[in-house]
Protein backbone atom coordinates (compact mmCIF):
# COMPACT_ATOMS: atom_id res chain seq x y z
CA MET A 1 59.45 86.31 79.74
CA ARG A 2 63.08 85.29 80.30
CA ARG A 3 63.08 87.00 83.70
CA ILE A 4 59.96 85.09 84.79
CA PHE A 5 61.55 81.81 83.68
CA VAL A 6 64.76 82.51 85.61
CA MET A 7 62.85 83.52 88.74
CA SER A 8 60.59 80.46 88.49
CA PHE A 9 63.59 78.17 88.11
CA ALA A 10 65.29 79.75 91.11
CA LEU A 11 62.18 79.30 93.25
CA LEU A 12 61.77 75.68 92.21
CA ALA A 13 65.42 74.93 92.88
CA GLY A 14 65.12 76.41 96.36
CA ALA A 15 61.82 74.68 97.06
CA SER A 16 63.22 71.17 96.76
CA GLY A 17 63.11 70.89 100.55
CA ALA A 18 66.70 69.79 100.70
CA ILE A 19 68.84 71.28 103.41
CA ALA A 20 72.57 71.33 102.87
CA ALA A 21 73.76 69.06 105.64
CA ASP A 22 76.75 69.88 107.80
CA ILE A 23 78.51 66.70 108.93
CA GLU A 24 80.58 68.49 111.57
CA ALA A 25 77.46 70.10 113.06
CA GLY A 26 75.85 66.66 113.00
CA LYS A 27 78.81 65.16 114.83
CA ALA A 28 78.54 67.86 117.50
CA LYS A 29 74.79 67.31 117.91
CA VAL A 30 75.29 63.53 118.10
CA GLY A 31 77.85 64.06 120.87
CA VAL A 32 75.31 65.97 122.94
CA VAL A 33 72.01 64.27 122.09
CA CYS A 34 72.50 60.82 120.54
CA ALA A 35 75.81 59.30 121.62
CA ALA A 36 74.71 58.06 125.04
CA CYS A 37 72.46 55.46 123.40
CA HIS A 38 73.47 55.23 119.72
CA GLY A 39 77.20 55.70 120.34
CA ALA A 40 79.39 58.53 119.09
CA LEU A 41 80.28 56.42 116.06
CA GLY A 42 76.78 55.05 115.52
CA ALA A 43 77.32 51.71 117.27
CA SER A 44 74.62 51.42 119.92
CA VAL A 45 75.20 50.53 123.53
CA SER A 46 72.45 47.88 123.59
CA ASP A 47 70.89 45.22 121.38
CA THR A 48 67.55 47.02 121.74
CA ILE A 49 68.89 50.31 120.31
CA PRO A 50 69.60 50.47 116.58
CA ASN A 51 73.05 51.07 115.15
CA LEU A 52 72.95 54.16 112.95
CA ALA A 53 76.43 54.15 111.39
CA GLY A 54 76.19 53.71 107.64
CA GLN A 55 72.40 54.07 107.47
CA LYS A 56 71.10 56.08 104.53
CA SER A 57 70.68 59.70 105.56
CA ARG A 58 67.20 59.92 103.99
CA TYR A 59 66.07 56.97 106.12
CA ILE A 60 67.36 58.56 109.33
CA GLU A 61 65.75 61.90 108.43
CA THR A 62 62.41 60.25 107.67
CA GLN A 63 62.41 58.32 110.94
CA LEU A 64 63.40 61.31 113.07
CA LYS A 65 60.73 63.50 111.48
CA ALA A 66 58.11 60.78 112.00
CA LEU A 67 59.15 60.50 115.65
CA ARG A 68 59.08 64.29 116.02
CA ASP A 69 55.61 64.68 114.53
CA GLY A 70 54.19 61.62 116.31
CA THR A 71 53.43 59.45 113.28
CA ARG A 72 56.00 56.99 114.60
CA LYS A 73 55.55 56.22 118.28
CA ASN A 74 58.39 55.81 120.74
CA PRO A 75 58.12 57.76 123.99
CA ILE A 76 61.86 58.23 124.46
CA MET A 77 62.80 59.01 120.86
CA GLY A 78 59.69 61.14 120.35
CA THR A 79 60.80 63.41 123.17
CA ILE A 80 64.35 63.59 121.85
CA ALA A 81 63.31 64.17 118.22
CA ALA A 82 60.93 66.95 119.32
CA GLN A 83 64.01 68.98 120.30
CA LEU A 84 65.58 68.74 116.83
CA SER A 85 65.13 71.27 114.04
CA ASP A 86 65.04 70.23 110.38
CA ALA A 87 68.68 71.35 110.10
CA ASP A 88 69.64 69.30 113.17
CA ILE A 89 67.97 66.24 111.68
CA ALA A 90 69.69 66.69 108.31
CA ASN A 91 73.06 67.18 110.02
CA VAL A 92 72.72 64.19 112.33
CA ALA A 93 71.58 62.01 109.43
CA ALA A 94 74.50 63.15 107.28
CA TYR A 95 76.95 62.42 110.08
CA PHE A 96 75.66 58.92 110.83
CA SER A 97 75.46 58.03 107.13
CA SER A 98 79.07 59.16 106.65
CA LEU A 99 80.29 56.51 109.12
CA GLN A 100 81.24 52.91 108.36
CA ALA A 101 78.60 50.40 109.42
């Protein structure tokens, strides 16, 4: 019985869906994919492009996943988000949220 409990707990802990974000990997991905429009430090290059520095990571993740799966429509960002894995999204979100707004 104890073994089943321990195994069940381990499975539930791993099934939370959370990915341990890597801020440095996020910074690298931002430099290649995001910086041209959103800026390397999350300050966008245009009034029509949102600043991402200081945004909550969960918000950025949610928006990128919605763009990737098509539930949020934006032709440019949809194409860009389609190239990102779940780990990429978590890393990018962690990086932008670590910056000062």
